[in-house]
Amino acid sequence: MLNFALALLLAAQPAQPPVDSKVIVVTGRRLADTEAALRACLARKCPPAEDIEASAAHAENLFVAGRYDEASRILRGSIGRNGRHAAELPVEVSSLYRAHSRLSAHLGRGEQYRSSTYGITRSLKAGLPDDNPEVVAGRFEVAAMQWNIGQYRLARDSYDAIAGQARRIGRLDLARLAQLRIAWMDFLLGDRHGATQQLKRIAADRTPETRVARISATILLSRIDRAAGKPTNTDALIAELREAKLDKPVLLHAPPIKLNRSPSQEQGEAGNVNRLTPTESFEKKWIDVGFWVEPDGRVRDVEILRSSGATYWTGPLLTSIKGRIYAPLSDPGGSYRVERHTYTSFLEARSGSRLKQRSANARIETLDLSAE
C-alpha cells in the first residue's frame, strides 16, 4: 500500500526523429518484435486482454523511439476496439486510457489529455466498486490533470471531494493524501502560511495509516525550508524512508526550472522567457537524460543520452536535475535513472480561427524510463 500511495502523490512519436549516435536507452523487446506481435494478435482476432497488452507494449516502444504520433494512433485504435470491455477488464482498459493520457500531455494535445484522463475513472467504475483503491487512484489522476491544464479551482474541489469520500468509507490514508495535495496547491497559489501550517499538521499526525501522507508532508516542508535557505532537519524523515524500503529513489528537493529563451527570443530583450513567439516550434523536441543517484542522495554524471530537435531549452532542466537531492539509498551502488523530457505546449483555440494553435506557455513533460 505504501508504494501505491506514494505513486498517487509523487507522482511517472510519423517517421522517427533524428537522435544522437550515443544511444543507451533500451527496452525489453525490440520495436520490430512488438510491432510483429501486435499485427499477429490482430490478425487472429486475439482476446481483448491480449490486444490491450500487445498494443500497450508496442505503443511504449514507439514512445521510447520518439514516434509519439504513431504511439498515439496505436493506443487510440486499441481503445476503440476494447473500450466496451471495461466492465470485465476495468484495470486493463483504464491502462490504455492512462497511457494515452500521458502521451497526449507530451504531444500538447490538451483535449485528448483531458478526455483520456476521464476515461481512466470511467473504465474503472464500469467494473469496480466506488471505494476500490484503483478507482480512487483514477480520481487523483483526474484532479492532477485539472491542475496541469490550469483548472485550479476545479482541481482543488476534486481533491476536496476525494478527501470527503475517503473519510466516509473509512480510508483516512487517502483522505490525508488528498488534503496534502490541497495544501501544496494552496502553497503554489500563494497561501504559503496557511499551506505550511496544514502541512505541519499532516506531518505531525502519527496515526499508522497516514504514514505516507506524513512522510510526504515532511518532504514538502523540507523542500520549502531548503528553498528559503533555512536549515532542514531530515534525520527523522530519512529514518522513515529507510524503514519504508521503497523500490526507487524518493526526490526530496529539485531546484526550480526557468525555461530558456528560443533563439528568436534571444535577439530581443522584451517578453517573458516562457512565452511563445511566432517562430517558436514545439514539434519533436525531447531528450533522454541519464544520471546516477548516489547512496547519499546526491546526483552525478548527468548527461543527455539522445535527443530530437533543438536543445536550447535544456540548460535549466539539466541544472535542476544536477541540483536534485534524493533520500539516501540502501544500495551502496546507487541507482541509475533515465528520464524522457519533452518540450511542449498545449494546443488551444484562438479567436478568429478554427485551427488550434500552441499555447503561449511552454512546459516540460517528464516520464521516468528507468527499468525497475
Protein backbone atom coordinates (compact mmCIF):
# COMPACT_ATOMS: atom_id res chain seq x y z
CA MET A 1 0.00 0.00 0.00
CA LEU A 2 2.90 2.33 0.71
CA ASN A 3 4.27 2.30 -2.83
CA PHE A 4 0.74 2.56 -4.26
CA ALA A 5 0.00 5.65 -2.21
CA LEU A 6 3.32 7.29 -2.96
CA ALA A 7 2.67 6.68 -6.64
CA LEU A 8 -0.56 8.63 -6.25
CA LEU A 9 1.25 11.50 -4.65
CA LEU A 10 4.68 11.77 -6.24
CA ALA A 11 3.68 11.00 -8.98
CA ALA A 12 5.62 8.99 -13.93
CA GLN A 13 6.04 9.51 -31.98
CA PRO A 14 5.36 9.80 -38.25
CA ALA A 15 8.97 8.97 -39.13
CA GLN A 16 11.43 8.50 -36.31
CA PRO A 17 13.15 11.80 -35.41
CA PRO A 18 16.92 12.02 -35.68
CA VAL A 19 18.71 11.05 -32.49
CA ASP A 20 22.24 11.36 -31.24
CA SER A 21 24.54 8.46 -32.08
CA LYS A 22 25.05 7.73 -28.40
CA VAL A 23 22.01 5.57 -27.63
CA ILE A 24 21.88 3.98 -24.21
CA VAL A 25 18.16 3.67 -23.58
CA VAL A 26 16.90 0.15 -24.30
CA THR A 27 13.59 -1.61 -23.94
CA GLY A 28 12.78 -5.21 -23.06
CA ARG A 29 11.66 -6.08 -26.61
CA ARG A 30 12.74 -4.69 -29.97
CA LEU A 31 10.38 -2.33 -31.75
CA ALA A 32 10.10 -4.71 -34.70
CA ASP A 33 9.16 -7.54 -32.35
CA THR A 34 6.35 -5.64 -30.61
CA GLU A 35 5.05 -4.47 -33.99
CA ALA A 36 5.00 -8.05 -35.30
CA ALA A 37 3.36 -9.29 -32.11
CA LEU A 38 0.58 -6.72 -32.36
CA ARG A 39 -0.04 -7.47 -36.05
CA ALA A 40 -0.22 -11.20 -35.34
CA CYS A 41 -2.59 -10.59 -32.43
CA LEU A 42 -4.95 -8.51 -34.55
CA ALA A 43 -4.76 -10.94 -37.47
CA ARG A 44 -6.01 -13.82 -35.36
CA LYS A 45 -8.58 -11.61 -33.61
CA CYS A 46 -6.98 -12.18 -30.22
CA PRO A 47 -8.97 -11.72 -26.98
CA PRO A 48 -9.29 -8.15 -25.61
CA ALA A 49 -6.78 -8.67 -22.80
CA GLU A 50 -4.12 -9.84 -25.27
CA ASP A 51 -4.94 -6.98 -27.65
CA ILE A 52 -4.51 -4.47 -24.83
CA GLU A 53 -1.21 -5.96 -23.70
CA ALA A 54 0.24 -6.10 -27.23
CA SER A 55 -0.96 -2.58 -28.07
CA ALA A 56 0.44 -1.10 -24.88
CA ALA A 57 3.81 -2.80 -25.36
CA HIS A 58 4.16 -1.54 -28.92
CA ALA A 59 2.97 1.97 -28.03
CA GLU A 60 5.54 2.11 -25.23
CA ASN A 61 8.32 1.13 -27.62
CA LEU A 62 7.16 3.75 -30.13
CA PHE A 63 7.19 6.39 -27.40
CA VAL A 64 10.72 5.48 -26.35
CA ALA A 65 11.74 5.65 -30.02
CA GLY A 66 10.34 9.17 -30.19
CA ARG A 67 7.47 8.25 -32.51
CA TYR A 68 4.76 9.89 -30.45
CA ASP A 69 2.11 10.20 -33.18
CA GLU A 70 2.33 6.52 -34.07
CA ALA A 71 2.13 5.55 -30.41
CA SER A 72 -0.99 7.68 -30.04
CA ARG A 73 -2.57 6.01 -33.08
CA ILE A 74 -1.89 2.53 -31.68
CA LEU A 75 -3.43 3.41 -28.33
CA ARG A 76 -6.49 5.08 -29.86
CA GLY A 77 -7.04 2.01 -32.02
CA SER A 78 -6.91 -0.33 -29.04
CA ILE A 79 -9.27 1.92 -27.07
CA GLY A 80 -11.70 1.83 -29.98
CA ARG A 81 -11.60 -1.96 -30.12
CA ASN A 82 -11.59 -2.68 -26.40
CA GLY A 83 -13.24 0.22 -24.59
CA ARG A 84 -16.54 -1.65 -24.49
CA HIS A 85 -14.91 -4.38 -22.40
CA ALA A 86 -14.31 -2.11 -19.39
CA ALA A 87 -16.88 -3.91 -17.24
CA GLU A 88 -14.92 -7.17 -17.35
CA LEU A 89 -11.44 -5.63 -17.81
CA PRO A 90 -11.60 -2.34 -15.90
CA VAL A 91 -7.93 -2.15 -14.93
CA GLU A 92 -6.67 -3.21 -18.36
CA VAL A 93 -8.88 -0.79 -20.28
CA SER A 94 -8.06 2.02 -17.87
CA SER A 95 -4.36 1.39 -18.52
CA LEU A 96 -4.92 2.21 -22.20
CA TYR A 97 -6.57 5.50 -21.30
CA ARG A 98 -3.76 6.24 -18.82
CA ALA A 99 -1.06 5.64 -21.43
CA HIS A 100 -2.90 7.77 -23.98
CA SER A 101 -3.44 10.49 -21.40
CA ARG A 102 0.27 10.73 -20.59
CA LEU A 103 1.25 10.58 -24.25
CA SER A 104 -1.24 13.33 -25.10
CA ALA A 105 0.35 15.57 -22.47
CA HIS A 106 3.74 15.10 -24.15
CA LEU A 107 2.17 15.90 -27.52
CA GLY A 108 0.49 19.02 -26.12
CA ARG A 109 -2.97 17.77 -27.07
CA GLY A 110 -4.88 19.16 -24.13
CA GLU A 111 -8.33 17.95 -25.12
CA GLN A 112 -7.14 14.37 -25.63
CA TYR A 113 -5.21 14.58 -22.37
CA ARG A 114 -8.37 15.69 -20.59
CA SER A 115 -10.75 13.17 -22.19
CA SER A 116 -8.39 10.20 -21.78
CA THR A 117 -7.82 11.02 -18.12
CA TYR A 118 -11.55 11.00 -17.53
CA GLY A 119 -11.58 7.71 -19.42
CA ILE A 120 -9.40 6.18 -16.69
CA THR A 121 -12.04 6.60 -13.99
CA ARG A 122 -14.92 5.86 -16.34
CA SER A 123 -13.36 2.48 -17.20
CA LEU A 124 -12.54 1.62 -13.60
CA LYS A 125 -16.01 2.49 -12.35
CA ALA A 126 -17.52 0.23 -15.03
CA GLY A 127 -16.15 -2.86 -13.32
CA LEU A 128 -15.03 -1.95 -9.79
CA PRO A 129 -16.81 -0.70 -6.66
CA ASP A 130 -16.66 3.01 -5.93
CA ASP A 131 -14.37 2.57 -2.93
CA ASN A 132 -11.80 0.41 -4.73
CA PRO A 133 -8.27 1.88 -4.46
CA GLU A 134 -7.89 1.75 -8.25
CA VAL A 135 -10.96 3.97 -8.64
CA VAL A 136 -9.62 6.39 -6.04
CA ALA A 137 -6.28 6.44 -7.86
CA GLY A 138 -8.12 7.37 -11.04
CA ARG A 139 -9.78 10.29 -9.26
CA PHE A 140 -6.38 11.51 -8.10
CA GLU A 141 -5.23 11.43 -11.71
CA VAL A 142 -8.25 13.46 -12.82
CA ALA A 143 -7.53 16.12 -10.19
CA ALA A 144 -3.85 16.23 -11.22
CA MET A 145 -4.88 16.66 -14.86
CA GLN A 146 -7.19 19.53 -13.95
CA TRP A 147 -4.33 21.25 -12.17
CA ASN A 148 -1.97 20.69 -15.11
CA ILE A 149 -4.32 22.30 -17.63
CA GLY A 150 -4.88 25.31 -15.38
CA GLN A 151 -8.27 24.43 -13.87
CA TYR A 152 -7.01 25.21 -10.38
CA ARG A 153 -10.33 25.70 -8.62
CA LEU A 154 -11.78 22.57 -10.18
CA ALA A 155 -8.69 20.59 -9.17
CA ARG A 156 -8.97 21.80 -5.60
CA ASP A 157 -12.65 20.89 -5.50
CA SER A 158 -11.83 17.43 -6.88
CA TYR A 159 -9.25 16.77 -4.16
CA ASP A 160 -11.70 18.03 -1.56
CA ALA A 161 -14.33 15.60 -2.88
CA ILE A 162 -11.80 12.75 -2.76
CA ALA A 163 -10.97 13.59 0.85
CA GLY A 164 -14.65 13.62 1.81
CA GLN A 165 -15.40 10.33 0.10
CA ALA A 166 -12.30 8.70 1.59
CA ARG A 167 -13.39 9.71 5.09
CA ARG A 168 -16.88 8.32 4.51
CA ILE A 169 -15.53 4.91 3.53
CA GLY A 170 -13.01 4.84 6.35
CA ARG A 171 -9.90 5.46 4.22
CA LEU A 172 -8.10 8.07 6.31
CA ASP A 173 -4.88 7.36 4.42
CA LEU A 174 -6.37 8.52 1.12
CA ALA A 175 -8.14 11.44 2.77
CA ARG A 176 -4.81 12.70 4.10
CA LEU A 177 -3.18 12.36 0.69
CA ALA A 178 -5.93 14.47 -0.87
CA GLN A 179 -5.58 17.06 1.92
CA LEU A 180 -1.85 17.13 1.34
CA ARG A 181 -2.38 17.83 -2.37
CA ILE A 182 -4.73 20.68 -1.46
CA ALA A 183 -2.15 22.17 0.92
CA TRP A 184 0.58 22.01 -1.72
CA MET A 185 -1.66 23.64 -4.33
CA ASP A 186 -2.51 26.40 -1.87
CA PHE A 187 1.20 26.93 -1.29
CA LEU A 188 1.91 27.20 -5.02
CA LEU A 189 -1.01 29.60 -5.45
CA GLY A 190 0.32 31.97 -2.79
CA ASP A 191 -1.18 30.95 0.55
CA ARG A 192 2.20 29.97 1.94
CA HIS A 193 1.42 30.45 5.62
CA GLY A 194 -1.87 28.56 5.62
CA ALA A 195 -0.46 25.78 3.45
CA THR A 196 2.63 25.40 5.63
CA GLN A 197 0.51 25.10 8.75
CA GLN A 198 -1.63 22.43 7.13
CA LEU A 199 1.48 20.51 6.03
CA LYS A 200 2.82 20.69 9.58
CA ARG A 201 -0.45 19.25 10.93
CA ILE A 202 -0.27 16.37 8.47
CA ALA A 203 3.42 15.77 9.28
CA ALA A 204 2.59 15.64 13.00
CA ASP A 205 -0.16 13.02 12.58
CA ARG A 206 1.23 9.76 13.99
CA THR A 207 -1.77 7.65 13.00
CA PRO A 208 -0.27 4.48 11.45
CA GLU A 209 -2.42 4.51 8.31
CA THR A 210 -1.45 8.11 7.47
CA ARG A 211 2.25 7.31 7.32
CA VAL A 212 2.59 8.02 3.61
CA ALA A 213 0.98 11.44 3.93
CA ARG A 214 3.19 12.16 6.96
CA ILE A 215 6.35 11.27 5.02
CA SER A 216 5.20 13.28 2.02
CA ALA A 217 4.32 16.33 4.10
CA THR A 218 7.72 16.19 5.76
CA ILE A 219 9.36 16.02 2.32
CA LEU A 220 7.43 19.09 1.15
CA LEU A 221 8.24 21.02 4.33
CA SER A 222 11.89 20.15 3.79
CA ARG A 223 11.68 21.49 0.23
CA ILE A 224 10.09 24.71 1.47
CA ASP A 225 12.80 25.25 4.09
CA ARG A 226 15.59 24.46 1.65
CA ALA A 227 14.18 26.85 -0.96
CA ALA A 228 14.05 29.57 1.70
CA GLY A 229 17.65 28.93 2.73
CA LYS A 230 16.64 27.54 6.11
CA PRO A 231 18.32 24.53 7.74
CA THR A 232 16.34 21.33 7.38
CA ASN A 233 16.14 18.54 9.92
CA THR A 234 15.86 15.46 7.76
CA ASP A 235 17.11 12.81 10.18
CA ALA A 236 13.64 11.60 11.14
CA LEU A 237 12.49 11.68 7.52
CA ILE A 238 15.47 9.67 6.35
CA ALA A 239 14.90 7.11 9.08
CA GLU A 240 11.28 6.65 7.98
CA LEU A 241 12.25 6.40 4.32
CA ARG A 242 14.87 3.76 5.09
CA GLU A 243 12.31 1.80 7.09
CA ALA A 244 9.81 2.06 4.24
CA LYS A 245 12.28 0.26 1.91
CA LEU A 246 10.99 1.93 -1.24
CA ASP A 247 11.99 0.37 -4.55
CA LYS A 248 13.21 3.58 -6.17
CA PRO A 249 14.73 6.91 -5.08
CA VAL A 250 12.45 9.48 -3.43
CA LEU A 251 13.06 13.07 -4.51
CA LEU A 252 13.45 15.46 -1.58
CA HIS A 253 14.42 18.62 -3.45
CA ALA A 254 14.76 19.93 -7.01
CA PRO A 255 15.73 23.49 -7.95
CA PRO A 256 13.03 25.27 -9.98
CA ILE A 257 13.25 25.26 -13.77
CA LYS A 258 13.05 28.54 -15.68
CA LEU A 259 12.86 27.75 -19.36
CA ASN A 260 15.39 29.22 -21.76
CA ARG A 261 14.52 31.65 -24.48
CA SER A 262 14.30 30.34 -28.01
CA PRO A 263 16.90 31.63 -30.48
CA SER A 264 14.40 34.19 -31.77
CA GLN A 265 13.71 35.46 -28.26
CA GLU A 266 17.42 35.85 -27.57
CA GLN A 267 17.54 38.60 -30.21
CA GLY A 268 15.39 40.94 -28.13
CA GLU A 269 15.04 41.93 -24.51
CA ALA A 270 11.26 42.14 -24.20
CA GLY A 271 8.95 39.28 -23.33
CA ASN A 272 8.61 36.51 -20.82
CA VAL A 273 11.17 33.76 -21.40
CA ASN A 274 8.36 31.21 -21.31
CA ARG A 275 6.18 32.99 -23.86
CA LEU A 276 5.60 31.69 -27.36
CA THR A 277 6.92 33.71 -30.29
CA PRO A 278 5.70 33.37 -33.90
CA THR A 279 8.80 31.32 -34.77
CA GLU A 280 8.65 29.01 -31.73
CA SER A 281 8.13 25.35 -32.54
CA PHE A 282 7.34 22.51 -30.18
CA GLU A 283 7.47 19.70 -32.71
CA LYS A 284 9.56 16.65 -31.83
CA LYS A 285 11.66 18.30 -29.14
CA TRP A 286 12.66 15.82 -26.47
CA ILE A 287 15.68 14.47 -24.66
CA ASP A 288 16.51 11.35 -22.67
CA VAL A 289 18.58 12.21 -19.61
CA GLY A 290 20.61 9.65 -17.68
CA PHE A 291 22.13 10.18 -14.25
CA TRP A 292 23.28 8.37 -11.14
CA VAL A 293 21.70 8.84 -7.73
CA GLU A 294 24.48 8.25 -5.19
CA PRO A 295 23.82 6.34 -1.93
CA ASP A 296 23.85 9.70 -0.09
CA GLY A 297 21.08 11.03 -2.38
CA ARG A 298 23.25 13.33 -4.48
CA VAL A 299 23.15 13.28 -8.30
CA ARG A 300 26.17 12.83 -10.55
CA ASP A 301 27.05 12.19 -14.20
CA VAL A 302 24.01 13.93 -15.67
CA GLU A 303 24.08 13.63 -19.46
CA ILE A 304 21.83 13.77 -22.48
CA LEU A 305 21.75 10.24 -23.85
CA ARG A 306 19.91 11.18 -27.02
CA SER A 307 17.76 14.00 -28.32
CA SER A 308 15.38 15.11 -31.03
CA GLY A 309 15.18 18.65 -32.35
CA ALA A 310 16.79 21.79 -31.00
CA THR A 311 18.02 21.59 -27.40
CA TYR A 312 18.25 25.29 -26.48
CA TRP A 313 15.60 24.71 -23.80
CA THR A 314 17.50 22.02 -21.89
CA GLY A 315 20.05 24.06 -19.92
CA PRO A 316 17.87 24.97 -16.91
CA LEU A 317 16.40 21.47 -16.87
CA LEU A 318 19.84 19.84 -16.64
CA THR A 319 20.89 22.32 -13.97
CA SER A 320 17.80 21.40 -11.95
CA ILE A 321 18.48 17.66 -12.28
CA LYS A 322 22.09 18.17 -11.15
CA GLY A 323 20.82 20.01 -8.07
CA ARG A 324 18.33 17.35 -7.02
CA ILE A 325 18.56 15.71 -3.63
CA TYR A 326 17.08 12.27 -3.08
CA ALA A 327 16.58 10.31 0.11
CA PRO A 328 19.67 8.18 0.91
CA LEU A 329 19.63 4.75 -0.69
CA SER A 330 20.30 1.42 0.96
CA ASP A 331 22.03 0.13 -2.18
CA PRO A 332 25.75 1.05 -1.94
CA GLY A 333 25.93 1.08 -5.73
CA GLY A 334 23.34 3.84 -6.03
CA SER A 335 20.64 3.92 -8.70
CA TYR A 336 20.90 4.80 -12.40
CA ARG A 337 17.90 6.70 -13.74
CA VAL A 338 16.73 7.57 -17.26
CA GLU A 339 14.03 10.18 -17.86
CA ARG A 340 12.27 11.39 -21.00
CA HIS A 341 11.68 15.15 -21.05
CA THR A 342 9.51 16.64 -23.81
CA TYR A 343 9.41 20.35 -24.59
CA THR A 344 5.81 21.06 -25.48
CA SER A 345 2.82 23.37 -25.20
CA PHE A 346 -0.90 22.66 -25.18
CA LEU A 347 -2.89 23.32 -28.32
CA GLU A 348 -5.67 25.85 -27.79
CA ALA A 349 -8.38 27.58 -29.78
CA ARG A 350 -7.70 31.16 -30.84
CA SER A 351 -10.36 33.74 -31.62
CA GLY A 352 -10.96 34.26 -35.32
CA SER A 353 -9.58 30.88 -36.34
CA ARG A 354 -10.91 27.34 -36.44
CA LEU A 355 -7.40 25.94 -36.22
CA LYS A 356 -5.89 25.27 -32.83
CA GLN A 357 -2.51 26.83 -32.10
CA ARG A 358 0.11 26.25 -29.47
CA SER A 359 -0.41 27.93 -26.12
CA ALA A 360 1.88 30.79 -25.19
CA ASN A 361 3.10 28.84 -22.16
CA ALA A 362 5.87 26.35 -22.77
CA ARG A 363 6.09 23.32 -20.48
CA ILE A 364 8.26 20.26 -19.94
CA GLU A 365 6.57 16.88 -19.60
CA THR A 366 8.60 14.18 -17.87
CA LEU A 367 8.34 10.39 -17.76
CA ASP A 368 10.67 8.03 -15.90
CA LEU A 369 12.01 5.39 -18.30
CA SER A 370 14.16 3.64 -15.71
CA ALA A 371 13.94 -0.12 -15.55
CA GLU A 372 12.91 -1.18 -12.09
